[in-house]
């Protein structure tokens, strides 16, 4: 029986590794572009009528009104960029440096974004609807998933030497995201209900900042 030369086996492994890195870099670039588009569309939607208050009203309110389709598109973009990062992370982390549960939570955050696009929210003062209640439930679950998922993934980066350089930064951002989530959910009891929109945008900004940092690191690997 003939055996493949050892140098041939090594070449195949190196080729597969290089291909995996290239795919990861491409997915990371898609993630970065997605975040840029998301921010731009979000700003445009905020500037268009009916001019919802960004301090007091949730970002989801932007999906209600004559230009609501822009926010619906943005939810889809958020889901796609999150899925791109999820796939890239799966390929760019070792088994020891990867939190499987963290990846699952990140995936649920991505799916949640797609569902938010399908089920618009109810504006304050309006009669509650089924799609509005679904929107609130999906947002509640998705927010918890991304906050916990990012923290779990960050903590496991310590076990992968390729991720140790960015581990402290990602852990810090993940903890800040959790704090922002706590303030968002329990702000009413702390007298912060008048800035709910601002707190939500702070939370979403931190969650997306974590994704951006990870994507940039993936590009540099």
N, C-alpha and C. Protein backbone atom coordinates (compact mmCIF):
# COMPACT_ATOMS: atom_id res chain seq x y z
N UNK A 1 0.85 -1.20 0.00
CA UNK A 1 0.00 0.00 0.00
C UNK A 1 0.88 1.24 0.00
N UNK A 2 0.58 2.15 -0.87
CA UNK A 2 1.37 3.36 -0.95
C UNK A 2 0.83 4.40 0.01
N UNK A 3 1.75 5.15 0.59
CA UNK A 3 1.37 6.21 1.52
C UNK A 3 1.68 7.56 0.89
N UNK A 4 0.82 8.51 1.18
CA UNK A 4 1.07 9.87 0.72
C UNK A 4 2.30 10.41 1.40
N UNK A 5 3.17 11.07 0.69
CA UNK A 5 4.34 11.67 1.33
C UNK A 5 3.91 12.66 2.40
N UNK A 6 4.72 12.73 3.48
CA UNK A 6 4.37 13.60 4.60
C UNK A 6 4.32 15.06 4.19
N UNK A 7 5.23 15.44 3.29
CA UNK A 7 5.24 16.84 2.87
C UNK A 7 3.98 17.19 2.07
N UNK A 8 3.42 16.18 1.38
CA UNK A 8 2.17 16.41 0.64
C UNK A 8 1.02 16.63 1.61
N UNK A 9 0.98 15.82 2.69
CA UNK A 9 -0.05 15.99 3.72
C UNK A 9 0.03 17.38 4.35
N UNK A 10 1.24 17.82 4.64
CA UNK A 10 1.42 19.14 5.25
C UNK A 10 0.97 20.25 4.31
N UNK A 11 1.25 20.05 3.03
CA UNK A 11 0.85 21.07 2.05
C UNK A 11 -0.66 21.18 1.97
N UNK A 12 -1.34 20.02 2.04
CA UNK A 12 -2.80 20.02 2.01
C UNK A 12 -3.37 20.74 3.22
N UNK A 13 -2.77 20.47 4.40
CA UNK A 13 -3.23 21.11 5.63
C UNK A 13 -3.01 22.62 5.59
N UNK A 14 -1.85 23.01 5.09
CA UNK A 14 -1.54 24.43 4.99
C UNK A 14 -2.48 25.13 4.02
N UNK A 15 -2.80 24.44 2.91
CA UNK A 15 -3.71 25.00 1.93
C UNK A 15 -5.10 25.18 2.52
N UNK A 16 -5.56 24.18 3.28
CA UNK A 16 -6.88 24.25 3.91
C UNK A 16 -6.91 25.37 4.95
N UNK A 17 -5.81 25.51 5.71
CA UNK A 17 -5.74 26.55 6.72
C UNK A 17 -5.77 27.94 6.07
N UNK A 18 -5.02 28.09 4.98
CA UNK A 18 -4.99 29.37 4.28
C UNK A 18 -6.37 29.71 3.71
N UNK A 19 -7.05 28.70 3.18
CA UNK A 19 -8.39 28.91 2.64
C UNK A 19 -9.35 29.32 3.74
N UNK A 20 -9.22 28.66 4.90
CA UNK A 20 -10.08 29.00 6.04
C UNK A 20 -9.86 30.42 6.51
N UNK A 21 -8.59 30.85 6.54
CA UNK A 21 -8.29 32.22 6.95
C UNK A 21 -8.84 33.23 5.96
N UNK A 22 -8.74 32.90 4.68
CA UNK A 22 -9.26 33.79 3.64
C UNK A 22 -10.78 33.93 3.75
N UNK A 23 -11.45 32.82 3.99
CA UNK A 23 -12.90 32.87 4.15
C UNK A 23 -13.29 33.66 5.39
N UNK A 24 -12.53 33.45 6.47
CA UNK A 24 -12.79 34.19 7.70
C UNK A 24 -12.59 35.68 7.51
N UNK A 25 -11.54 36.06 6.78
CA UNK A 25 -11.26 37.47 6.51
C UNK A 25 -12.36 38.09 5.66
N UNK A 26 -12.87 37.33 4.69
CA UNK A 26 -13.95 37.82 3.83
C UNK A 26 -15.23 38.04 4.64
N UNK A 27 -15.55 37.07 5.49
CA UNK A 27 -16.74 37.20 6.34
C UNK A 27 -16.59 38.36 7.32
N UNK A 28 -15.38 38.57 7.82
CA UNK A 28 -15.13 39.69 8.73
C UNK A 28 -15.33 41.02 8.01
N UNK A 29 -14.89 41.08 6.75
CA UNK A 29 -15.08 42.30 5.96
C UNK A 29 -16.56 42.56 5.72
N UNK A 30 -17.33 41.51 5.44
CA UNK A 30 -18.77 41.65 5.28
C UNK A 30 -19.40 42.20 6.56
N UNK A 31 -18.92 41.70 7.69
CA UNK A 31 -19.41 42.17 8.99
C UNK A 31 -19.14 43.66 9.17
N UNK A 32 -17.93 44.09 8.88
CA UNK A 32 -17.55 45.49 9.04
C UNK A 32 -18.38 46.39 8.12
N UNK A 33 -18.51 45.99 6.87
CA UNK A 33 -19.33 46.76 5.93
C UNK A 33 -20.79 46.82 6.40
N UNK A 34 -21.27 45.71 6.93
CA UNK A 34 -22.64 45.66 7.44
C UNK A 34 -22.85 46.64 8.59
N UNK A 35 -21.89 46.74 9.48
CA UNK A 35 -22.01 47.67 10.61
C UNK A 35 -22.03 49.12 10.12
N UNK A 36 -21.17 49.43 9.16
CA UNK A 36 -21.14 50.78 8.60
C UNK A 36 -22.48 51.12 7.96
N UNK A 37 -23.02 50.20 7.17
CA UNK A 37 -24.32 50.41 6.53
C UNK A 37 -25.42 50.58 7.57
N UNK A 38 -25.36 49.76 8.60
CA UNK A 38 -26.37 49.81 9.66
C UNK A 38 -26.41 51.18 10.31
N UNK A 39 -25.24 51.71 10.65
CA UNK A 39 -25.17 53.01 11.31
C UNK A 39 -25.67 54.11 10.38
N UNK A 40 -25.27 54.07 9.11
CA UNK A 40 -25.69 55.09 8.15
C UNK A 40 -27.20 55.08 7.97
N UNK A 41 -27.79 53.90 7.77
CA UNK A 41 -29.24 53.80 7.58
C UNK A 41 -29.97 54.21 8.84
N UNK A 42 -29.43 53.86 10.00
CA UNK A 42 -30.06 54.23 11.26
C UNK A 42 -30.12 55.74 11.41
N UNK A 43 -29.04 56.42 11.06
CA UNK A 43 -29.01 57.88 11.14
C UNK A 43 -30.00 58.50 10.16
N UNK A 44 -30.03 57.96 8.94
CA UNK A 44 -30.96 58.48 7.93
C UNK A 44 -32.41 58.31 8.39
N UNK A 45 -32.72 57.12 8.91
CA UNK A 45 -34.08 56.85 9.38
C UNK A 45 -34.46 57.78 10.53
N UNK A 46 -33.49 58.09 11.37
CA UNK A 46 -33.76 58.97 12.51
C UNK A 46 -34.05 60.41 12.05
N UNK A 47 -33.46 60.82 10.95
CA UNK A 47 -33.62 62.19 10.45
C UNK A 47 -34.90 62.38 9.64
N UNK A 48 -35.47 61.28 9.17
CA UNK A 48 -36.69 61.37 8.35
C UNK A 48 -37.93 61.47 9.23
N UNK A 49 -39.01 62.08 8.72
CA UNK A 49 -40.25 62.15 9.50
C UNK A 49 -40.81 60.76 9.73
N UNK A 50 -41.50 60.55 10.86
CA UNK A 50 -42.04 61.56 11.78
C UNK A 50 -41.11 62.00 12.92
N UNK A 51 -39.81 61.86 12.80
CA UNK A 51 -38.85 62.40 13.76
C UNK A 51 -39.09 61.93 15.20
N UNK A 52 -38.99 60.63 15.39
CA UNK A 52 -39.13 60.09 16.74
C UNK A 52 -37.97 60.56 17.61
N UNK A 53 -38.26 60.71 18.89
CA UNK A 53 -37.26 61.19 19.85
C UNK A 53 -36.26 60.08 20.17
N UNK A 54 -35.00 60.29 19.82
CA UNK A 54 -33.98 59.26 20.04
C UNK A 54 -33.63 59.09 21.51
N UNK A 55 -33.99 60.07 22.34
CA UNK A 55 -33.70 59.99 23.78
C UNK A 55 -34.73 59.14 24.50
N UNK A 56 -35.98 59.32 24.14
CA UNK A 56 -37.04 58.66 24.87
C UNK A 56 -37.63 57.44 24.16
N UNK A 57 -37.50 57.37 22.84
CA UNK A 57 -38.15 56.30 22.08
C UNK A 57 -37.15 55.26 21.59
N UNK A 58 -37.63 54.02 21.54
CA UNK A 58 -36.78 52.90 21.12
C UNK A 58 -36.46 52.99 19.63
N UNK A 59 -35.35 52.38 19.27
CA UNK A 59 -34.94 52.36 17.87
C UNK A 59 -36.00 51.68 16.99
N UNK A 60 -36.70 50.72 17.56
CA UNK A 60 -37.72 49.98 16.81
C UNK A 60 -38.85 50.88 16.33
N UNK A 61 -39.08 52.00 17.01
CA UNK A 61 -40.12 52.92 16.57
C UNK A 61 -39.85 53.45 15.17
N UNK A 62 -38.59 53.46 14.76
CA UNK A 62 -38.23 53.94 13.43
C UNK A 62 -38.82 53.05 12.33
N UNK A 63 -39.23 51.84 12.70
CA UNK A 63 -39.81 50.92 11.72
C UNK A 63 -41.30 51.17 11.52
N UNK A 64 -41.84 52.14 12.25
CA UNK A 64 -43.27 52.48 12.13
C UNK A 64 -43.39 53.85 11.50
N UNK A 65 -44.10 53.94 10.37
CA UNK A 65 -44.24 55.21 9.69
C UNK A 65 -43.94 55.07 8.21
N UNK A 66 -43.99 56.17 7.49
CA UNK A 66 -43.82 56.11 6.03
C UNK A 66 -42.45 55.62 5.58
N UNK A 67 -41.44 55.78 6.42
CA UNK A 67 -40.10 55.32 6.07
C UNK A 67 -39.66 54.13 6.93
N UNK A 68 -40.65 53.45 7.48
CA UNK A 68 -40.35 52.33 8.36
C UNK A 68 -39.60 51.20 7.67
N UNK A 69 -39.73 51.12 6.35
CA UNK A 69 -39.04 50.04 5.62
C UNK A 69 -37.53 50.14 5.78
N UNK A 70 -37.01 51.35 6.01
CA UNK A 70 -35.56 51.51 6.19
C UNK A 70 -35.08 50.78 7.44
N UNK A 71 -35.84 50.92 8.52
CA UNK A 71 -35.45 50.23 9.76
C UNK A 71 -35.64 48.73 9.62
N UNK A 72 -36.66 48.32 8.87
CA UNK A 72 -36.85 46.89 8.62
C UNK A 72 -35.65 46.33 7.86
N UNK A 73 -35.18 47.07 6.87
CA UNK A 73 -33.97 46.66 6.14
C UNK A 73 -32.78 46.60 7.09
N UNK A 74 -32.71 47.56 8.01
CA UNK A 74 -31.60 47.59 8.95
C UNK A 74 -31.59 46.37 9.87
N UNK A 75 -32.78 45.93 10.28
CA UNK A 75 -32.85 44.72 11.09
C UNK A 75 -32.27 43.53 10.33
N UNK A 76 -32.60 43.44 9.04
CA UNK A 76 -32.07 42.35 8.22
C UNK A 76 -30.55 42.46 8.10
N UNK A 77 -30.05 43.67 7.90
CA UNK A 77 -28.60 43.87 7.81
C UNK A 77 -27.93 43.44 9.12
N UNK A 78 -28.56 43.79 10.24
CA UNK A 78 -27.99 43.40 11.55
C UNK A 78 -27.95 41.88 11.70
N UNK A 79 -28.98 41.22 11.21
CA UNK A 79 -28.98 39.77 11.26
C UNK A 79 -27.91 39.17 10.37
N UNK A 80 -27.74 39.71 9.17
CA UNK A 80 -26.75 39.18 8.22
C UNK A 80 -25.32 39.40 8.72
N UNK A 81 -25.03 40.59 9.24
CA UNK A 81 -23.66 40.84 9.69
C UNK A 81 -23.34 40.00 10.92
N UNK A 82 -24.34 39.75 11.74
CA UNK A 82 -24.12 38.90 12.92
C UNK A 82 -23.88 37.45 12.52
N UNK A 83 -24.63 36.98 11.52
CA UNK A 83 -24.41 35.61 11.03
C UNK A 83 -23.04 35.47 10.37
N UNK A 84 -22.61 36.50 9.64
CA UNK A 84 -21.30 36.47 9.01
C UNK A 84 -20.20 36.33 10.06
N UNK A 85 -20.33 37.10 11.15
CA UNK A 85 -19.33 37.01 12.22
C UNK A 85 -19.40 35.65 12.91
N UNK A 86 -20.60 35.13 13.09
CA UNK A 86 -20.78 33.82 13.73
C UNK A 86 -20.04 32.74 12.96
N UNK A 87 -20.21 32.73 11.65
CA UNK A 87 -19.54 31.73 10.82
C UNK A 87 -18.02 31.92 10.86
N UNK A 88 -17.59 33.18 10.80
CA UNK A 88 -16.16 33.47 10.84
C UNK A 88 -15.53 33.02 12.15
N UNK A 89 -16.22 33.29 13.25
CA UNK A 89 -15.71 32.88 14.56
C UNK A 89 -15.62 31.37 14.69
N UNK A 90 -16.60 30.68 14.14
CA UNK A 90 -16.60 29.22 14.19
C UNK A 90 -15.37 28.65 13.50
N UNK A 91 -14.93 29.31 12.42
CA UNK A 91 -13.78 28.82 11.66
C UNK A 91 -12.44 29.35 12.19
N UNK A 92 -12.48 30.43 12.98
CA UNK A 92 -11.23 31.09 13.36
C UNK A 92 -10.87 30.91 14.83
N UNK A 93 -11.57 30.03 15.53
CA UNK A 93 -11.24 29.76 16.93
C UNK A 93 -11.02 28.26 17.12
N UNK A 94 -10.13 27.94 18.04
CA UNK A 94 -9.91 26.54 18.37
C UNK A 94 -11.04 26.03 19.25
N UNK A 95 -11.11 24.72 19.40
CA UNK A 95 -12.16 24.13 20.24
C UNK A 95 -12.04 24.63 21.67
N UNK A 96 -10.80 24.78 22.15
CA UNK A 96 -10.58 25.23 23.51
C UNK A 96 -10.92 26.71 23.68
N UNK A 97 -10.70 27.49 22.62
CA UNK A 97 -10.93 28.93 22.70
C UNK A 97 -12.30 29.37 22.22
N UNK A 98 -13.19 28.41 22.07
CA UNK A 98 -14.52 28.72 21.52
C UNK A 98 -15.59 28.34 22.52
N UNK A 99 -16.48 29.27 22.82
CA UNK A 99 -17.64 28.98 23.65
C UNK A 99 -18.80 28.58 22.75
N UNK A 100 -19.12 27.30 22.77
CA UNK A 100 -20.19 26.81 21.90
C UNK A 100 -21.52 27.45 22.27
N UNK A 101 -21.76 27.57 23.58
CA UNK A 101 -23.00 28.19 24.02
C UNK A 101 -23.03 29.67 23.64
N UNK A 102 -21.86 30.31 23.69
CA UNK A 102 -21.78 31.71 23.28
C UNK A 102 -22.13 31.87 21.81
N UNK A 103 -21.67 30.95 20.97
CA UNK A 103 -22.01 30.99 19.55
C UNK A 103 -23.50 30.78 19.32
N UNK A 104 -24.09 29.88 20.10
CA UNK A 104 -25.54 29.64 19.99
C UNK A 104 -26.32 30.90 20.35
N UNK A 105 -25.88 31.57 21.41
CA UNK A 105 -26.55 32.80 21.83
C UNK A 105 -26.41 33.89 20.77
N UNK A 106 -25.21 33.98 20.18
CA UNK A 106 -25.00 34.96 19.11
C UNK A 106 -25.89 34.65 17.91
N UNK A 107 -26.07 33.36 17.63
CA UNK A 107 -26.96 32.97 16.54
C UNK A 107 -28.40 33.35 16.81
N UNK A 108 -28.84 33.23 18.05
CA UNK A 108 -30.22 33.60 18.39
C UNK A 108 -30.41 35.11 18.29
N UNK A 109 -29.38 35.87 18.62
CA UNK A 109 -29.43 37.33 18.43
C UNK A 109 -29.61 37.66 16.94
N UNK A 110 -28.90 36.94 16.08
CA UNK A 110 -29.00 37.17 14.63
C UNK A 110 -30.39 36.83 14.12
N UNK A 111 -30.91 35.67 14.52
CA UNK A 111 -32.25 35.27 14.10
C UNK A 111 -33.28 36.26 14.62
N UNK A 112 -33.06 36.75 15.84
CA UNK A 112 -33.97 37.72 16.42
C UNK A 112 -34.07 38.98 15.58
N UNK A 113 -32.96 39.41 14.99
CA UNK A 113 -32.97 40.61 14.14
C UNK A 113 -33.89 40.42 12.94
N UNK A 114 -33.84 39.23 12.33
CA UNK A 114 -34.73 38.94 11.20
C UNK A 114 -36.20 38.97 11.63
N UNK A 115 -36.49 38.43 12.81
CA UNK A 115 -37.87 38.40 13.30
C UNK A 115 -38.37 39.80 13.62
N UNK A 116 -37.48 40.67 14.12
CA UNK A 116 -37.87 42.04 14.41
C UNK A 116 -38.31 42.77 13.14
N UNK A 117 -37.69 42.41 12.02
CA UNK A 117 -38.08 43.02 10.74
C UNK A 117 -39.47 42.57 10.31
N UNK A 118 -39.85 41.36 10.69
CA UNK A 118 -41.15 40.81 10.29
C UNK A 118 -42.30 41.27 11.19
N UNK A 119 -41.99 41.58 12.45
CA UNK A 119 -43.01 41.93 13.42
C UNK A 119 -42.74 43.33 13.99
N UNK A 120 -43.29 44.37 13.38
CA UNK A 120 -43.04 45.73 13.85
C UNK A 120 -43.61 45.98 15.24
N UNK A 121 -43.01 46.93 15.94
CA UNK A 121 -43.42 47.24 17.30
C UNK A 121 -44.68 48.09 17.33
N UNK A 122 -45.24 48.27 18.51
CA UNK A 122 -46.35 49.19 18.72
C UNK A 122 -45.80 50.48 19.33
N UNK A 123 -46.26 51.62 18.85
CA UNK A 123 -45.85 52.89 19.44
C UNK A 123 -46.54 53.08 20.79
N UNK A 124 -45.91 53.84 21.66
CA UNK A 124 -46.48 54.12 22.98
C UNK A 124 -47.84 54.79 22.82
N UNK A 125 -48.82 54.30 23.58
CA UNK A 125 -50.16 54.85 23.51
C UNK A 125 -51.08 54.13 22.55
N UNK A 126 -50.51 53.32 21.67
CA UNK A 126 -51.33 52.57 20.74
C UNK A 126 -51.87 51.31 21.40
N UNK A 127 -52.96 50.80 20.86
CA UNK A 127 -53.52 49.54 21.35
C UNK A 127 -52.55 48.41 21.04
N UNK A 128 -52.21 47.58 22.04
CA UNK A 128 -51.27 46.48 21.80
C UNK A 128 -51.77 45.52 20.72
N UNK A 129 -50.85 45.08 19.88
CA UNK A 129 -51.17 44.13 18.82
C UNK A 129 -50.33 42.87 19.02
N UNK A 130 -50.72 41.82 18.32
CA UNK A 130 -49.97 40.57 18.42
C UNK A 130 -48.55 40.74 17.90
N UNK A 131 -48.40 41.42 16.75
CA UNK A 131 -47.06 41.59 16.19
C UNK A 131 -46.21 42.48 17.09
N UNK A 132 -46.85 43.44 17.78
CA UNK A 132 -46.11 44.28 18.71
C UNK A 132 -45.61 43.50 19.91
N UNK A 133 -46.45 42.61 20.44
CA UNK A 133 -46.05 41.79 21.57
C UNK A 133 -44.93 40.82 21.18
N UNK A 134 -45.04 40.25 19.98
CA UNK A 134 -43.98 39.37 19.48
C UNK A 134 -42.67 40.14 19.36
N UNK A 135 -42.76 41.36 18.87
CA UNK A 135 -41.57 42.20 18.72
C UNK A 135 -40.89 42.41 20.07
N UNK A 136 -41.65 42.75 21.08
CA UNK A 136 -41.09 42.99 22.41
C UNK A 136 -40.44 41.72 22.97
N UNK A 137 -41.11 40.58 22.82
CA UNK A 137 -40.57 39.33 23.33
C UNK A 137 -39.28 38.94 22.62
N UNK A 138 -39.28 39.07 21.29
CA UNK A 138 -38.08 38.74 20.51
C UNK A 138 -36.93 39.66 20.88
N UNK A 139 -37.20 40.96 21.01
CA UNK A 139 -36.15 41.91 21.38
C UNK A 139 -35.59 41.60 22.76
N UNK A 140 -36.45 41.28 23.70
CA UNK A 140 -36.03 40.93 25.07
C UNK A 140 -35.08 39.75 25.06
N UNK A 141 -35.46 38.69 24.35
CA UNK A 141 -34.62 37.49 24.29
C UNK A 141 -33.33 37.76 23.54
N UNK A 142 -33.42 38.46 22.40
CA UNK A 142 -32.23 38.73 21.58
C UNK A 142 -31.22 39.58 22.32
N UNK A 143 -31.68 40.58 23.06
CA UNK A 143 -30.77 41.46 23.80
C UNK A 143 -30.01 40.67 24.86
N UNK A 144 -30.72 39.81 25.58
CA UNK A 144 -30.06 38.99 26.60
C UNK A 144 -29.05 38.05 25.95
N UNK A 145 -29.43 37.47 24.82
CA UNK A 145 -28.56 36.51 24.14
C UNK A 145 -27.25 37.15 23.68
N UNK A 146 -27.33 38.35 23.09
CA UNK A 146 -26.10 38.96 22.58
C UNK A 146 -25.19 39.40 23.72
N UNK A 147 -25.77 39.92 24.80
CA UNK A 147 -24.96 40.37 25.93
C UNK A 147 -24.23 39.20 26.58
N UNK A 148 -24.94 38.11 26.85
CA UNK A 148 -24.32 36.94 27.47
C UNK A 148 -23.39 36.22 26.48
N UNK A 149 -23.82 36.14 25.22
CA UNK A 149 -23.01 35.45 24.22
C UNK A 149 -21.67 36.12 24.02
N UNK A 150 -21.65 37.43 23.93
CA UNK A 150 -20.39 38.15 23.74
C UNK A 150 -19.48 37.99 24.94
N UNK A 151 -20.05 37.97 26.14
CA UNK A 151 -19.23 37.79 27.33
C UNK A 151 -18.62 36.39 27.37
N UNK A 152 -19.42 35.37 27.11
CA UNK A 152 -18.92 33.99 27.13
C UNK A 152 -17.84 33.78 26.08
N UNK A 153 -18.03 34.32 24.89
CA UNK A 153 -17.04 34.19 23.83
C UNK A 153 -15.74 34.91 24.22
N UNK A 154 -15.87 36.09 24.82
CA UNK A 154 -14.69 36.86 25.20
C UNK A 154 -13.86 36.12 26.26
N UNK A 155 -14.54 35.55 27.23
CA UNK A 155 -13.84 34.85 28.31
C UNK A 155 -13.06 33.64 27.78
N UNK A 156 -13.60 32.98 26.77
CA UNK A 156 -12.93 31.80 26.22
C UNK A 156 -11.78 32.16 25.29
N UNK A 157 -11.70 33.41 24.83
CA UNK A 157 -10.59 33.82 23.97
C UNK A 157 -9.24 33.60 24.64
N UNK A 158 -9.22 33.60 25.97
CA UNK A 158 -7.97 33.45 26.71
C UNK A 158 -7.29 32.11 26.42
N UNK A 159 -8.07 31.11 26.00
CA UNK A 159 -7.53 29.78 25.74
C UNK A 159 -6.96 29.64 24.33
N UNK A 160 -7.06 30.67 23.51
CA UNK A 160 -6.56 30.64 22.14
C UNK A 160 -5.55 31.78 21.99
N UNK A 161 -4.29 31.43 21.76
CA UNK A 161 -3.24 32.45 21.74
C UNK A 161 -3.45 33.50 20.65
N UNK A 162 -4.16 33.14 19.60
CA UNK A 162 -4.41 34.10 18.52
C UNK A 162 -5.40 35.18 18.93
N UNK A 163 -6.12 34.95 20.03
CA UNK A 163 -7.15 35.89 20.48
C UNK A 163 -6.79 36.58 21.78
N UNK A 164 -5.67 36.21 22.39
CA UNK A 164 -5.32 36.77 23.69
C UNK A 164 -5.06 38.28 23.63
N UNK A 165 -4.57 38.77 22.49
CA UNK A 165 -4.26 40.20 22.37
C UNK A 165 -5.51 41.07 22.45
N UNK A 166 -6.64 40.53 22.05
CA UNK A 166 -7.88 41.32 22.03
C UNK A 166 -8.85 40.89 23.12
N UNK A 167 -8.46 39.90 23.89
CA UNK A 167 -9.36 39.32 24.88
C UNK A 167 -9.79 40.33 25.94
N UNK A 168 -8.85 41.09 26.52
CA UNK A 168 -9.20 42.04 27.57
C UNK A 168 -10.16 43.12 27.06
N UNK A 169 -9.93 43.58 25.84
CA UNK A 169 -10.80 44.61 25.27
C UNK A 169 -12.21 44.08 25.06
N UNK A 170 -12.31 42.86 24.53
CA UNK A 170 -13.64 42.30 24.27
C UNK A 170 -14.38 42.00 25.58
N UNK A 171 -13.65 41.56 26.60
CA UNK A 171 -14.28 41.31 27.90
C UNK A 171 -14.82 42.62 28.48
N UNK A 172 -14.03 43.68 28.38
CA UNK A 172 -14.46 44.98 28.89
C UNK A 172 -15.72 45.47 28.19
N UNK A 173 -15.72 45.39 26.87
CA UNK A 173 -16.89 45.84 26.10
C UNK A 173 -18.11 44.98 26.45
N UNK A 174 -17.90 43.67 26.61
CA UNK A 174 -19.00 42.77 26.93
C UNK A 174 -19.60 43.11 28.30
N UNK A 175 -18.74 43.42 29.29
CA UNK A 175 -19.25 43.79 30.61
C UNK A 175 -20.02 45.11 30.54
N UNK A 176 -19.51 46.07 29.78
CA UNK A 176 -20.22 47.34 29.61
C UNK A 176 -21.57 47.13 28.93
N UNK A 177 -21.61 46.18 27.99
CA UNK A 177 -22.87 45.86 27.31
C UNK A 177 -23.88 45.30 28.30
N UNK A 178 -23.41 44.45 29.20
CA UNK A 178 -24.30 43.89 30.23
C UNK A 178 -24.83 44.97 31.16
N UNK A 179 -23.95 45.91 31.53
CA UNK A 179 -24.38 47.01 32.39
C UNK A 179 -25.44 47.86 31.68
N UNK A 180 -25.19 48.15 30.40
CA UNK A 180 -26.15 48.93 29.63
C UNK A 180 -27.49 48.19 29.52
N UNK A 181 -27.44 46.88 29.38
CA UNK A 181 -28.66 46.08 29.30
C UNK A 181 -29.42 46.15 30.63
N UNK A 182 -28.68 46.06 31.73
CA UNK A 182 -29.30 46.16 33.05
C UNK A 182 -30.00 47.50 33.22
N UNK A 183 -29.32 48.58 32.84
CA UNK A 183 -29.91 49.92 32.95
C UNK A 183 -31.14 50.05 32.06
N UNK A 184 -31.08 49.44 30.87
CA UNK A 184 -32.21 49.50 29.94
C UNK A 184 -33.42 48.78 30.50
N UNK A 185 -33.23 47.57 31.04
CA UNK A 185 -34.35 46.76 31.52
C UNK A 185 -34.91 47.26 32.85
N UNK A 186 -34.03 47.78 33.71
CA UNK A 186 -34.46 48.17 35.05
C UNK A 186 -34.36 49.68 35.29
N UNK A 187 -34.23 50.42 34.20
CA UNK A 187 -34.10 51.87 34.32
C UNK A 187 -35.30 52.53 34.96
N UNK A 188 -36.47 51.94 34.79
CA UNK A 188 -37.69 52.51 35.36
C UNK A 188 -37.58 52.64 36.87
N UNK A 189 -36.97 51.62 37.50
CA UNK A 189 -36.85 51.62 38.95
C UNK A 189 -35.77 52.60 39.43
N UNK A 190 -34.89 53.00 38.50
CA UNK A 190 -33.83 53.93 38.85
C UNK A 190 -34.13 55.35 38.38
N UNK A 191 -35.35 55.57 37.91
CA UNK A 191 -35.74 56.88 37.44
C UNK A 191 -35.16 57.25 36.09
N UNK A 192 -34.82 56.24 35.29
CA UNK A 192 -34.20 56.49 33.98
C UNK A 192 -35.15 56.22 32.83
N UNK A 193 -36.45 56.09 33.14
CA UNK A 193 -37.41 55.75 32.09
C UNK A 193 -37.53 56.84 31.03
N UNK A 194 -37.12 58.07 31.36
CA UNK A 194 -37.21 59.15 30.39
C UNK A 194 -36.12 59.15 29.35
N UNK A 195 -35.12 58.28 29.54
CA UNK A 195 -34.02 58.19 28.56
C UNK A 195 -33.89 56.75 28.05
N UNK A 196 -35.01 56.09 27.95
CA UNK A 196 -35.00 54.69 27.50
C UNK A 196 -34.42 54.52 26.12
N UNK A 197 -34.74 55.43 25.22
CA UNK A 197 -34.21 55.36 23.85
C UNK A 197 -32.70 55.51 23.83
N UNK A 198 -32.20 56.42 24.63
CA UNK A 198 -30.75 56.63 24.71
C UNK A 198 -30.05 55.40 25.28
N UNK A 199 -30.64 54.81 26.32
CA UNK A 199 -30.04 53.62 26.93
C UNK A 199 -30.04 52.45 25.95
N UNK A 200 -31.13 52.31 25.17
CA UNK A 200 -31.17 51.24 24.20
C UNK A 200 -30.10 51.42 23.12
N UNK A 201 -29.94 52.65 22.67
CA UNK A 201 -28.92 52.92 21.65
C UNK A 201 -27.51 52.72 22.20
N UNK A 202 -27.32 53.04 23.48
CA UNK A 202 -26.03 52.77 24.13
C UNK A 202 -25.75 51.28 24.16
N UNK A 203 -26.77 50.50 24.53
CA UNK A 203 -26.62 49.04 24.56
C UNK A 203 -26.32 48.48 23.18
N UNK A 204 -27.10 48.89 22.19
CA UNK A 204 -26.90 48.39 20.83
C UNK A 204 -25.54 48.82 20.28
N UNK A 205 -25.14 50.06 20.60
CA UNK A 205 -23.84 50.53 20.15
C UNK A 205 -22.70 49.71 20.71
N UNK A 206 -22.79 49.35 21.99
CA UNK A 206 -21.75 48.53 22.62
C UNK A 206 -21.74 47.12 22.04
N UNK A 207 -22.93 46.56 21.83
CA UNK A 207 -23.02 45.21 21.25
C UNK A 207 -22.39 45.19 19.86
N UNK A 208 -22.66 46.21 19.06
CA UNK A 208 -22.09 46.28 17.72
C UNK A 208 -20.61 46.62 17.76
N UNK A 209 -20.17 47.38 18.77
CA UNK A 209 -18.75 47.69 18.92
C UNK A 209 -17.96 46.41 19.17
N UNK A 210 -18.51 45.52 19.99
CA UNK A 210 -17.86 44.22 20.25
C UNK A 210 -17.72 43.45 18.94
N UNK A 211 -18.79 43.41 18.17
CA UNK A 211 -18.76 42.70 16.89
C UNK A 211 -17.72 43.32 15.96
N UNK A 212 -17.64 44.66 15.96
CA UNK A 212 -16.67 45.35 15.11
C UNK A 212 -15.24 45.03 15.52
N UNK A 213 -14.95 45.06 16.82
CA UNK A 213 -13.61 44.76 17.32
C UNK A 213 -13.19 43.35 16.92
N UNK A 214 -14.10 42.40 17.10
CA UNK A 214 -13.81 41.01 16.75
C UNK A 214 -13.58 40.87 15.25
N UNK A 215 -14.41 41.54 14.44
CA UNK A 215 -14.26 41.46 13.00
C UNK A 215 -12.94 42.06 12.53
N UNK A 216 -12.55 43.19 13.11
CA UNK A 216 -11.26 43.82 12.75
C UNK A 216 -10.11 42.90 13.12
N UNK A 217 -10.21 42.25 14.28
CA UNK A 217 -9.15 41.31 14.68
C UNK A 217 -9.08 40.13 13.72
N UNK A 218 -10.24 39.66 13.30
CA UNK A 218 -10.27 38.56 12.33
C UNK A 218 -9.57 38.95 11.03
N UNK A 219 -9.77 40.18 10.61
CA UNK A 219 -9.12 40.66 9.40
C UNK A 219 -7.60 40.72 9.56
N UNK A 220 -7.14 40.98 10.78
CA UNK A 220 -5.70 41.14 11.02
C UNK A 220 -4.99 39.82 11.30
N UNK A 221 -5.74 38.76 11.52
CA UNK A 221 -5.13 37.46 11.85
C UNK A 221 -4.42 36.85 10.64
